[in-house]
């Protein structure tokens, strides 16, 4: 009799398959809910990084124009990442500095002496509402 009681008690201490499945399902649901918040945060961070990239490239182009005594921006942004003799490049980071957080190249739009640096944004297409443009970035007041 004692042997049977021990077996019954040992069987009652374990989890059933149904109980384990319920726990796994609950953890899956909680994980899915948590990932939605993480994905929103990642997208916000990418947009901020793209704004910073657009503004940094705009500043590098301005520095290039001043340093080279040019009245218009360069035909290609690649000159910003190339070292000229003993001088440092105007934009550090190599070719990666000319790529936005969605792995699309930034675009330089020139109209006369004015220029705009553009990221295609999350959709990867230029000319849509989600584009991030240097002429649309709000400047913070110091």
N, C-alpha and C. Protein backbone atom coordinates (compact mmCIF):
# COMPACT_ATOMS: atom_id res chain seq x y z
N UNK A 1 0.81 -1.20 0.00
CA UNK A 1 0.00 0.00 0.00
C UNK A 1 0.85 1.26 0.00
N UNK A 2 1.90 1.23 0.78
CA UNK A 2 2.74 2.43 0.82
C UNK A 2 3.33 2.74 -0.54
N UNK A 3 3.67 1.69 -1.28
CA UNK A 3 4.25 1.87 -2.61
C UNK A 3 3.25 2.57 -3.53
N UNK A 4 2.01 2.21 -3.49
CA UNK A 4 1.00 2.82 -4.34
C UNK A 4 0.79 4.29 -3.99
N UNK A 5 0.75 4.62 -2.72
CA UNK A 5 0.58 6.01 -2.30
C UNK A 5 1.73 6.88 -2.80
N UNK A 6 2.91 6.34 -2.79
CA UNK A 6 4.08 7.08 -3.25
C UNK A 6 3.97 7.36 -4.75
N UNK A 7 3.53 6.39 -5.53
CA UNK A 7 3.37 6.55 -6.97
C UNK A 7 2.29 7.57 -7.27
N UNK A 8 1.18 7.53 -6.56
CA UNK A 8 0.09 8.48 -6.77
C UNK A 8 0.55 9.89 -6.42
N UNK A 9 1.26 10.05 -5.32
CA UNK A 9 1.75 11.37 -4.92
C UNK A 9 2.76 11.91 -5.93
N UNK A 10 3.62 11.07 -6.43
CA UNK A 10 4.63 11.50 -7.42
C UNK A 10 3.94 11.93 -8.71
N UNK A 11 2.91 11.25 -9.12
CA UNK A 11 2.18 11.59 -10.34
C UNK A 11 1.46 12.92 -10.17
N UNK A 12 1.00 13.22 -9.00
CA UNK A 12 0.28 14.48 -8.75
C UNK A 12 1.22 15.68 -8.70
N UNK A 13 2.51 15.47 -8.46
CA UNK A 13 3.47 16.58 -8.37
C UNK A 13 3.84 17.14 -9.75
N UNK A 14 3.73 16.38 -10.82
CA UNK A 14 4.12 16.81 -12.15
C UNK A 14 3.04 17.66 -12.82
N UNK A 15 3.41 18.26 -13.98
CA UNK A 15 2.46 19.04 -14.77
C UNK A 15 1.89 18.17 -15.87
N UNK A 16 0.64 18.42 -16.19
CA UNK A 16 0.04 17.69 -17.31
C UNK A 16 0.41 18.41 -18.61
N UNK A 17 0.25 17.74 -19.70
CA UNK A 17 0.54 18.31 -21.02
C UNK A 17 -0.34 19.53 -21.27
N UNK A 18 -1.58 19.47 -20.86
CA UNK A 18 -2.51 20.59 -21.05
C UNK A 18 -2.03 21.82 -20.29
N UNK A 19 -1.59 21.61 -19.05
CA UNK A 19 -1.09 22.73 -18.26
C UNK A 19 0.13 23.37 -18.92
N UNK A 20 1.02 22.56 -19.42
CA UNK A 20 2.22 23.09 -20.10
C UNK A 20 1.84 23.85 -21.37
N UNK A 21 0.88 23.34 -22.14
CA UNK A 21 0.43 24.02 -23.35
C UNK A 21 -0.21 25.37 -23.03
N UNK A 22 -0.98 25.42 -21.96
CA UNK A 22 -1.61 26.69 -21.55
C UNK A 22 -0.53 27.72 -21.20
N UNK A 23 0.48 27.31 -20.45
CA UNK A 23 1.56 28.23 -20.08
C UNK A 23 2.31 28.72 -21.32
N UNK A 24 2.62 27.82 -22.24
CA UNK A 24 3.32 28.20 -23.47
C UNK A 24 2.46 29.17 -24.29
N UNK A 25 1.16 28.93 -24.37
CA UNK A 25 0.26 29.82 -25.12
C UNK A 25 0.23 31.20 -24.49
N UNK A 26 0.15 31.28 -23.17
CA UNK A 26 0.13 32.57 -22.47
C UNK A 26 1.43 33.32 -22.73
N UNK A 27 2.56 32.62 -22.64
CA UNK A 27 3.85 33.27 -22.89
C UNK A 27 3.94 33.76 -24.34
N UNK A 28 3.40 33.01 -25.27
CA UNK A 28 3.40 33.42 -26.67
C UNK A 28 2.58 34.68 -26.88
N UNK A 29 1.43 34.76 -26.25
CA UNK A 29 0.57 35.95 -26.37
C UNK A 29 1.27 37.16 -25.77
N UNK A 30 1.84 36.99 -24.58
CA UNK A 30 2.55 38.11 -23.94
C UNK A 30 3.74 38.55 -24.79
N UNK A 31 4.44 37.62 -25.38
CA UNK A 31 5.57 37.95 -26.25
C UNK A 31 5.14 38.74 -27.47
N UNK A 32 4.03 38.34 -28.07
CA UNK A 32 3.52 39.03 -29.26
C UNK A 32 3.12 40.47 -28.92
N UNK A 33 2.49 40.65 -27.78
CA UNK A 33 2.09 41.99 -27.35
C UNK A 33 3.32 42.85 -27.11
N UNK A 34 4.33 42.27 -26.47
CA UNK A 34 5.57 43.01 -26.20
C UNK A 34 6.31 43.39 -27.47
N UNK A 35 6.29 42.55 -28.49
CA UNK A 35 7.00 42.83 -29.74
C UNK A 35 6.39 44.00 -30.49
N UNK A 36 5.08 44.22 -30.34
CA UNK A 36 4.46 45.36 -31.01
C UNK A 36 5.07 46.66 -30.50
N UNK A 37 5.27 46.76 -29.20
CA UNK A 37 5.88 47.96 -28.63
C UNK A 37 7.32 48.10 -29.06
N UNK A 38 8.04 47.00 -29.14
CA UNK A 38 9.44 47.04 -29.57
C UNK A 38 9.53 47.49 -31.02
N UNK A 39 8.66 46.97 -31.88
CA UNK A 39 8.69 47.36 -33.30
C UNK A 39 8.40 48.84 -33.49
N UNK A 40 7.47 49.40 -32.71
CA UNK A 40 7.19 50.84 -32.80
C UNK A 40 8.41 51.64 -32.38
N UNK A 41 9.08 51.19 -31.34
CA UNK A 41 10.27 51.89 -30.86
C UNK A 41 11.40 51.82 -31.90
N UNK A 42 11.56 50.69 -32.54
CA UNK A 42 12.59 50.54 -33.56
C UNK A 42 12.31 51.48 -34.73
N UNK A 43 11.07 51.58 -35.16
CA UNK A 43 10.73 52.46 -36.28
C UNK A 43 10.95 53.93 -35.92
N UNK A 44 10.60 54.31 -34.70
CA UNK A 44 10.84 55.69 -34.24
C UNK A 44 12.34 55.98 -34.22
N UNK A 45 13.12 55.03 -33.78
CA UNK A 45 14.58 55.20 -33.73
C UNK A 45 15.15 55.32 -35.13
N UNK A 46 14.65 54.55 -36.07
CA UNK A 46 15.12 54.65 -37.46
C UNK A 46 14.81 56.01 -38.06
N UNK A 47 13.61 56.53 -37.79
CA UNK A 47 13.25 57.85 -38.31
C UNK A 47 14.16 58.93 -37.73
N UNK A 48 14.47 58.83 -36.44
CA UNK A 48 15.37 59.79 -35.81
C UNK A 48 16.77 59.69 -36.41
N UNK A 49 17.23 58.46 -36.64
CA UNK A 49 18.55 58.27 -37.24
C UNK A 49 18.59 58.82 -38.67
N UNK A 50 17.50 58.67 -39.42
CA UNK A 50 17.45 59.20 -40.78
C UNK A 50 17.48 60.73 -40.76
N UNK A 51 16.76 61.35 -39.82
CA UNK A 51 16.80 62.81 -39.70
C UNK A 51 18.20 63.29 -39.39
N UNK A 52 18.87 62.57 -38.49
CA UNK A 52 20.25 62.92 -38.14
C UNK A 52 21.16 62.74 -39.35
N UNK A 53 20.99 61.66 -40.09
CA UNK A 53 21.80 61.41 -41.28
C UNK A 53 21.60 62.48 -42.34
N UNK A 54 20.36 62.85 -42.60
CA UNK A 54 20.05 63.89 -43.58
C UNK A 54 20.70 65.21 -43.18
N UNK A 55 20.58 65.55 -41.90
CA UNK A 55 21.15 66.80 -41.41
C UNK A 55 22.68 66.78 -41.45
N UNK A 56 23.27 65.64 -41.13
CA UNK A 56 24.73 65.51 -41.14
C UNK A 56 25.27 65.63 -42.57
N UNK A 57 24.61 64.99 -43.52
CA UNK A 57 25.04 65.07 -44.92
C UNK A 57 24.88 66.50 -45.43
N UNK A 58 23.78 67.15 -45.06
CA UNK A 58 23.57 68.55 -45.46
C UNK A 58 24.72 69.42 -44.95
N UNK A 59 25.12 69.21 -43.69
CA UNK A 59 26.22 69.97 -43.13
C UNK A 59 27.55 69.67 -43.81
N UNK A 60 27.76 68.40 -44.17
CA UNK A 60 29.00 68.01 -44.86
C UNK A 60 29.06 68.64 -46.25
N UNK A 61 27.92 68.71 -46.93
CA UNK A 61 27.89 69.36 -48.26
C UNK A 61 28.19 70.84 -48.12
N UNK A 62 27.62 71.47 -47.12
CA UNK A 62 27.89 72.90 -46.89
C UNK A 62 29.37 73.12 -46.60
N UNK A 63 29.95 72.28 -45.76
CA UNK A 63 31.39 72.39 -45.47
C UNK A 63 32.23 72.17 -46.72
N UNK A 64 31.83 71.22 -47.54
CA UNK A 64 32.53 70.94 -48.80
C UNK A 64 32.51 72.19 -49.68
N UNK A 65 31.33 72.79 -49.82
CA UNK A 65 31.20 73.97 -50.68
C UNK A 65 32.06 75.13 -50.18
N UNK A 66 32.08 75.32 -48.87
CA UNK A 66 32.89 76.40 -48.29
C UNK A 66 34.38 76.11 -48.49
N UNK A 67 34.79 74.89 -48.16
CA UNK A 67 36.20 74.52 -48.24
C UNK A 67 36.72 74.56 -49.67
N UNK A 68 35.93 74.10 -50.61
CA UNK A 68 36.34 74.04 -52.02
C UNK A 68 35.99 75.30 -52.79
N UNK A 69 35.40 76.26 -52.09
CA UNK A 69 34.99 77.53 -52.70
C UNK A 69 34.08 77.31 -53.91
N UNK A 70 33.10 76.47 -53.71
CA UNK A 70 32.12 76.15 -54.75
C UNK A 70 30.82 76.88 -54.45
N UNK A 71 30.12 77.28 -55.49
CA UNK A 71 28.84 77.97 -55.29
C UNK A 71 27.67 77.00 -55.40
N UNK A 72 27.95 75.76 -55.81
CA UNK A 72 26.88 74.77 -55.90
C UNK A 72 27.38 73.46 -55.29
N UNK A 73 26.46 72.61 -54.88
CA UNK A 73 26.85 71.34 -54.26
C UNK A 73 27.50 70.40 -55.27
N UNK A 74 28.19 69.37 -54.79
CA UNK A 74 28.84 68.43 -55.71
C UNK A 74 27.81 67.62 -56.50
N UNK A 75 28.22 67.13 -57.64
CA UNK A 75 27.33 66.33 -58.48
C UNK A 75 27.02 64.98 -57.81
N UNK A 76 27.96 64.48 -57.02
CA UNK A 76 27.77 63.20 -56.35
C UNK A 76 28.18 63.35 -54.89
N UNK A 77 27.44 62.69 -54.00
CA UNK A 77 27.78 62.75 -52.57
C UNK A 77 29.00 61.90 -52.24
N UNK A 78 29.46 61.09 -53.17
CA UNK A 78 30.63 60.25 -52.92
C UNK A 78 31.88 61.08 -52.62
N UNK A 79 31.97 62.32 -53.12
CA UNK A 79 33.14 63.15 -52.83
C UNK A 79 33.23 63.46 -51.33
N UNK A 80 32.12 63.35 -50.62
CA UNK A 80 32.11 63.65 -49.19
C UNK A 80 32.83 62.58 -48.38
N UNK A 81 32.86 61.34 -48.88
CA UNK A 81 33.46 60.24 -48.12
C UNK A 81 34.87 59.90 -48.59
N UNK A 82 35.34 60.59 -49.62
CA UNK A 82 36.68 60.33 -50.14
C UNK A 82 37.67 61.31 -49.53
N UNK A 83 38.80 60.78 -49.07
CA UNK A 83 39.86 61.63 -48.53
C UNK A 83 40.59 62.29 -49.70
N UNK A 84 40.92 63.55 -49.54
CA UNK A 84 41.58 64.32 -50.59
C UNK A 84 43.01 64.62 -50.14
N UNK A 85 43.95 63.82 -50.59
CA UNK A 85 45.35 64.02 -50.18
C UNK A 85 45.51 63.77 -48.70
N UNK A 86 46.02 64.77 -48.00
CA UNK A 86 46.23 64.66 -46.55
C UNK A 86 44.98 65.03 -45.76
N UNK A 87 43.96 65.56 -46.44
CA UNK A 87 42.75 66.00 -45.75
C UNK A 87 41.83 64.82 -45.42
N UNK A 88 41.11 64.96 -44.34
CA UNK A 88 40.11 63.97 -43.93
C UNK A 88 38.87 64.12 -44.81
N UNK A 89 38.09 63.06 -44.98
CA UNK A 89 36.84 63.20 -45.73
C UNK A 89 35.87 64.12 -44.99
N UNK A 90 34.97 64.70 -45.71
CA UNK A 90 33.99 65.61 -45.10
C UNK A 90 32.94 64.85 -44.30
N UNK A 91 32.80 63.56 -44.61
CA UNK A 91 31.80 62.72 -43.95
C UNK A 91 32.47 61.40 -43.59
N UNK A 92 32.51 61.09 -42.30
CA UNK A 92 33.14 59.83 -41.88
C UNK A 92 32.14 58.69 -41.96
N UNK A 93 32.65 57.49 -42.00
CA UNK A 93 31.77 56.31 -42.04
C UNK A 93 31.77 55.61 -43.37
N UNK A 94 32.52 56.12 -44.32
CA UNK A 94 32.59 55.48 -45.64
C UNK A 94 31.24 55.46 -46.34
N UNK A 95 31.05 54.46 -47.18
CA UNK A 95 29.81 54.37 -47.96
C UNK A 95 28.58 54.20 -47.08
N UNK A 96 28.76 53.65 -45.88
CA UNK A 96 27.64 53.47 -44.96
C UNK A 96 27.03 54.79 -44.51
N UNK A 97 27.81 55.87 -44.58
CA UNK A 97 27.29 57.18 -44.19
C UNK A 97 26.29 57.72 -45.21
N UNK A 98 26.29 57.14 -46.40
CA UNK A 98 25.38 57.60 -47.45
C UNK A 98 24.17 56.68 -47.61
N UNK A 99 23.97 55.80 -46.61
CA UNK A 99 22.85 54.85 -46.64
C UNK A 99 21.98 55.09 -45.41
N UNK A 100 20.67 55.17 -45.63
CA UNK A 100 19.74 55.44 -44.52
C UNK A 100 19.47 54.17 -43.70
N UNK A 101 18.76 54.28 -42.59
CA UNK A 101 18.51 53.12 -41.72
C UNK A 101 17.72 51.97 -42.37
N UNK A 102 17.10 52.22 -43.51
CA UNK A 102 16.35 51.18 -44.23
C UNK A 102 17.18 50.62 -45.38
N UNK A 103 18.48 50.90 -45.38
CA UNK A 103 19.44 50.42 -46.39
C UNK A 103 19.18 50.97 -47.79
N UNK A 104 18.64 52.17 -47.87
CA UNK A 104 18.49 52.87 -49.15
C UNK A 104 19.47 54.04 -49.17
N UNK A 105 20.00 54.35 -50.34
CA UNK A 105 20.93 55.48 -50.44
C UNK A 105 20.17 56.80 -50.28
N UNK A 106 20.82 57.73 -49.58
CA UNK A 106 20.26 59.08 -49.51
C UNK A 106 20.33 59.69 -50.91
N UNK A 107 19.45 60.62 -51.17
CA UNK A 107 19.38 61.26 -52.48
C UNK A 107 19.70 62.75 -52.32
N UNK A 108 20.45 63.28 -53.27
CA UNK A 108 20.76 64.71 -53.29
C UNK A 108 19.99 65.34 -54.44
N UNK A 109 19.13 66.29 -54.09
CA UNK A 109 18.34 67.00 -55.09
C UNK A 109 18.87 68.43 -55.17
N UNK A 110 19.32 68.84 -56.35
CA UNK A 110 19.91 70.16 -56.52
C UNK A 110 19.02 71.01 -57.42
N UNK A 111 18.71 72.22 -56.94
CA UNK A 111 17.95 73.20 -57.73
C UNK A 111 18.72 74.50 -57.69
N UNK A 112 19.52 74.73 -58.71
CA UNK A 112 20.36 75.92 -58.74
C UNK A 112 21.43 75.82 -57.67
N UNK A 113 21.47 76.81 -56.79
CA UNK A 113 22.45 76.81 -55.70
C UNK A 113 21.89 76.16 -54.44
N UNK A 114 20.60 75.85 -54.44
CA UNK A 114 19.98 75.22 -53.29
C UNK A 114 19.98 73.71 -53.47
N UNK A 115 20.02 72.99 -52.36
CA UNK A 115 20.01 71.54 -52.42
C UNK A 115 19.23 70.97 -51.24
N UNK A 116 18.75 69.75 -51.43
CA UNK A 116 18.00 69.04 -50.41
C UNK A 116 18.53 67.61 -50.35
N UNK A 117 18.77 67.13 -49.14
CA UNK A 117 19.16 65.73 -48.92
C UNK A 117 17.90 64.99 -48.48
N UNK A 118 17.65 63.82 -49.10
CA UNK A 118 16.40 63.10 -48.87
C UNK A 118 16.66 61.63 -48.54
N UNK A 119 15.93 61.13 -47.54
CA UNK A 119 15.85 59.70 -47.27
C UNK A 119 14.48 59.24 -47.75
N UNK A 120 14.43 58.09 -48.41
CA UNK A 120 13.15 57.59 -48.94
C UNK A 120 12.20 57.17 -47.83
N UNK A 121 12.69 57.02 -46.61
CA UNK A 121 11.84 56.64 -45.49
C UNK A 121 11.54 55.15 -45.46
N UNK A 122 10.62 54.74 -44.60
CA UNK A 122 10.33 53.31 -44.40
C UNK A 122 9.88 52.57 -45.66
N UNK A 123 9.16 53.24 -46.56
CA UNK A 123 8.65 52.53 -47.74
C UNK A 123 9.69 52.36 -48.84
N UNK A 124 10.82 53.07 -48.74
CA UNK A 124 11.90 52.93 -49.72
C UNK A 124 11.64 53.61 -51.05
N UNK A 125 10.58 54.40 -51.16
CA UNK A 125 10.25 55.10 -52.40
C UNK A 125 10.35 56.60 -52.20
N UNK A 126 11.03 57.26 -53.12
CA UNK A 126 11.14 58.71 -53.05
C UNK A 126 9.86 59.35 -53.58
N UNK A 127 9.54 60.51 -53.03
CA UNK A 127 8.36 61.25 -53.48
C UNK A 127 7.08 60.88 -52.75
N UNK A 128 7.20 60.15 -51.65
CA UNK A 128 6.01 59.78 -50.87
C UNK A 128 5.99 60.57 -49.56
N UNK A 129 4.90 60.46 -48.83
CA UNK A 129 4.70 61.24 -47.61
C UNK A 129 5.69 60.90 -46.50
N UNK A 130 6.26 59.71 -46.53
CA UNK A 130 7.17 59.34 -45.44
C UNK A 130 8.63 59.71 -45.69
N UNK A 131 8.91 60.41 -46.80
CA UNK A 131 10.28 60.86 -47.07
C UNK A 131 10.76 61.79 -45.96
N UNK A 132 12.03 61.70 -45.65
CA UNK A 132 12.64 62.58 -44.65
C UNK A 132 13.58 63.49 -45.41
N UNK A 133 13.28 64.79 -45.38
CA UNK A 133 13.99 65.77 -46.20
C UNK A 133 14.69 66.80 -45.32
N UNK A 134 15.86 67.24 -45.78
CA UNK A 134 16.62 68.23 -45.00
C UNK A 134 15.91 69.58 -44.95
N UNK A 135 15.07 69.88 -45.93
CA UNK A 135 14.36 71.16 -45.90
C UNK A 135 13.08 71.10 -45.06
N UNK A 136 12.75 69.94 -44.54
CA UNK A 136 11.54 69.79 -43.71
C UNK A 136 11.84 69.47 -42.25
N UNK A 137 13.12 69.31 -41.94
CA UNK A 137 13.48 69.01 -40.56
C UNK A 137 13.40 70.29 -39.74
N UNK A 138 12.69 70.20 -38.63
CA UNK A 138 12.56 71.36 -37.74
C UNK A 138 13.86 71.57 -37.00
N UNK A 139 14.32 72.79 -37.01
CA UNK A 139 15.54 73.12 -36.28
C UNK A 139 15.17 73.44 -34.83
N UNK A 140 15.93 72.88 -33.91
CA UNK A 140 15.67 73.15 -32.50
C UNK A 140 16.36 74.44 -32.11
N UNK A 141 15.70 75.23 -31.30
CA UNK A 141 16.27 76.50 -30.84
C UNK A 141 17.11 76.25 -29.61
N UNK A 142 18.25 76.87 -29.58
CA UNK A 142 19.16 76.70 -28.43
C UNK A 142 18.93 77.77 -27.40
